[in-house]
Amino acid sequence: MKTFFYNRTAYSLKLPNMTVPQCFVELDDYFDTLFKTTTDLAREVITLAENLCCRLADIELFVRYIAEAGKESNAFQAAILIGTFLVAYFNACKSLLDAGAITLARIYNLNLKNKEMDFSKAVF
């Protein structure tokens, strides 16, 4: 069952130089061999994969926005845009780390509470 989970991310925008990383395409190919129907397990692992892919796509998108803002002819406007996009970029980076922690906690059944699924938590 092909899921095309990466098409529910910023990668679906089909922007130049922003393509779905091969690891996600290969993961979807693996899901195709693993899941023939939608089950609770299938939904959970597909959701985890989609979350990771989505966060990485967000990061790539903000990198693009920062680069474009740097080309702005008005230096003041460029500084404002870059500052705003940097905040979003760093939030997206933190979100990717959170998605990774959640994915690991669920895959390895670590039985952590939602607030404990974070690389910065000692219990993790």
Protein backbone atom coordinates (compact mmCIF):
# COMPACT_ATOMS: atom_id res chain seq x y z
CA MET A 1 0.00 0.00 0.00
CA LYS A 2 1.78 3.12 -1.22
CA THR A 3 1.06 5.96 1.18
CA PHE A 4 2.86 8.89 -0.46
CA PHE A 5 3.03 10.46 3.02
CA TYR A 6 5.64 12.94 1.75
CA ASN A 7 2.99 14.50 -0.49
CA ARG A 8 1.31 15.86 2.63
CA THR A 9 4.35 18.03 3.38
CA ALA A 10 6.00 21.11 1.89
CA TYR A 11 7.67 18.76 -0.59
CA SER A 12 4.32 18.61 -2.39
CA LEU A 13 4.90 22.23 -3.47
CA LYS A 14 7.38 20.89 -6.05
CA LEU A 15 9.69 23.88 -5.68
CA PRO A 16 12.95 23.83 -7.64
CA ASN A 17 15.84 22.23 -5.76
CA MET A 18 13.50 20.93 -3.10
CA THR A 19 12.80 17.27 -3.66
CA VAL A 20 11.68 14.49 -1.38
CA PRO A 21 14.77 12.88 0.19
CA GLN A 22 15.38 9.40 -1.20
CA CYS A 23 15.16 7.86 2.29
CA PHE A 24 11.49 8.83 2.51
CA VAL A 25 10.72 7.49 -0.96
CA GLU A 26 12.43 4.22 0.00
CA LEU A 27 10.56 4.13 3.30
CA ASP A 28 7.28 4.44 1.44
CA ASP A 29 8.39 1.61 -0.85
CA TYR A 30 9.03 -0.45 2.28
CA PHE A 31 5.59 0.44 3.65
CA ASP A 32 4.18 -0.80 0.33
CA THR A 33 5.64 -4.26 1.01
CA LEU A 34 4.74 -4.23 4.69
CA PHE A 35 1.15 -2.97 4.69
CA LYS A 36 -1.52 -4.24 2.35
CA THR A 37 -4.38 -2.58 4.25
CA THR A 38 -4.73 0.30 6.64
CA THR A 39 -4.40 -0.91 10.21
CA ASP A 40 -3.79 0.92 13.47
CA LEU A 41 -0.11 -0.03 13.28
CA ALA A 42 0.14 1.14 9.67
CA ARG A 43 -1.51 4.46 10.55
CA GLU A 44 0.85 4.98 13.48
CA VAL A 45 4.11 4.31 11.63
CA ILE A 46 2.96 6.26 8.58
CA THR A 47 2.07 9.19 10.85
CA LEU A 48 5.50 9.05 12.48
CA ALA A 49 7.24 8.98 9.09
CA GLU A 50 5.08 11.81 7.81
CA ASN A 51 5.85 13.92 10.87
CA LEU A 52 9.61 13.49 10.38
CA CYS A 53 9.33 14.22 6.66
CA CYS A 54 7.12 17.25 7.27
CA ARG A 55 9.56 18.79 9.75
CA LEU A 56 12.51 18.27 7.38
CA ALA A 57 10.52 19.83 4.54
CA ASP A 58 9.76 22.82 6.79
CA ILE A 59 13.48 23.26 7.46
CA GLU A 60 14.29 23.14 3.76
CA LEU A 61 11.53 25.62 3.01
CA PHE A 62 12.81 28.12 5.58
CA VAL A 63 16.36 27.75 4.25
CA ARG A 64 14.94 28.74 0.86
CA TYR A 65 13.08 31.72 2.35
CA ILE A 66 16.18 32.91 4.21
CA ALA A 67 18.29 32.69 1.04
CA GLU A 68 15.67 34.60 -0.94
CA ALA A 69 15.35 37.27 1.76
CA GLY A 70 19.11 37.76 1.58
CA LYS A 71 18.67 38.91 -2.03
CA GLU A 72 16.29 41.70 -1.01
CA SER A 73 17.59 45.06 -2.28
CA ASN A 74 16.44 46.89 0.86
CA ALA A 75 18.87 45.83 3.61
CA PHE A 76 16.45 46.81 6.39
CA GLN A 77 13.65 44.71 4.94
CA ALA A 78 16.10 41.85 4.36
CA ALA A 79 17.17 41.95 8.01
CA ILE A 80 13.56 41.86 9.21
CA LEU A 81 12.66 38.99 6.90
CA ILE A 82 15.78 37.00 7.72
CA GLY A 83 15.21 37.46 11.45
CA THR A 84 11.62 36.28 11.16
CA PHE A 85 12.55 33.31 9.00
CA LEU A 86 15.40 32.37 11.35
CA VAL A 87 12.93 32.10 14.23
CA ALA A 88 10.76 29.83 12.11
CA TYR A 89 13.81 27.86 10.95
CA PHE A 90 15.03 27.21 14.50
CA ASN A 91 11.52 26.23 15.58
CA ALA A 92 11.38 23.79 12.66
CA CYS A 93 14.76 22.36 13.72
CA LYS A 94 13.46 21.84 17.26
CA SER A 95 10.31 20.27 15.83
CA LEU A 96 12.43 17.82 13.81
CA LEU A 97 14.30 16.83 16.96
CA ASP A 98 10.99 16.41 18.80
CA ALA A 99 9.62 14.28 15.96
CA GLY A 100 12.75 12.12 16.14
CA ALA A 101 12.39 11.67 19.89
CA ILE A 102 8.71 10.80 19.58
CA THR A 103 9.44 8.33 16.79
CA LEU A 104 12.17 6.59 18.78
CA ALA A 105 10.04 6.49 21.93
CA ARG A 106 7.13 4.92 20.06
CA ILE A 107 9.16 2.47 17.98
CA TYR A 108 11.11 1.24 21.00
CA ASN A 109 8.03 1.34 23.23
CA LEU A 110 9.77 3.42 25.88
CA ASN A 111 6.50 4.04 27.74
CA LEU A 112 7.22 7.73 28.21
CA LYS A 113 4.62 10.39 28.85
CA ASN A 114 4.13 12.91 26.05
CA LYS A 115 6.17 15.60 27.82
CA GLU A 116 9.01 13.10 28.40
CA MET A 117 9.51 12.30 24.69
CA ASP A 118 12.17 14.94 24.28
CA PHE A 119 15.94 14.59 23.86
CA SER A 120 16.44 17.27 26.53
CA LYS A 121 14.64 15.24 29.22
CA ALA A 122 16.82 13.15 31.53
CA VAL A 123 14.30 10.31 31.53
CA PHE A 124 14.65 9.98 27.77
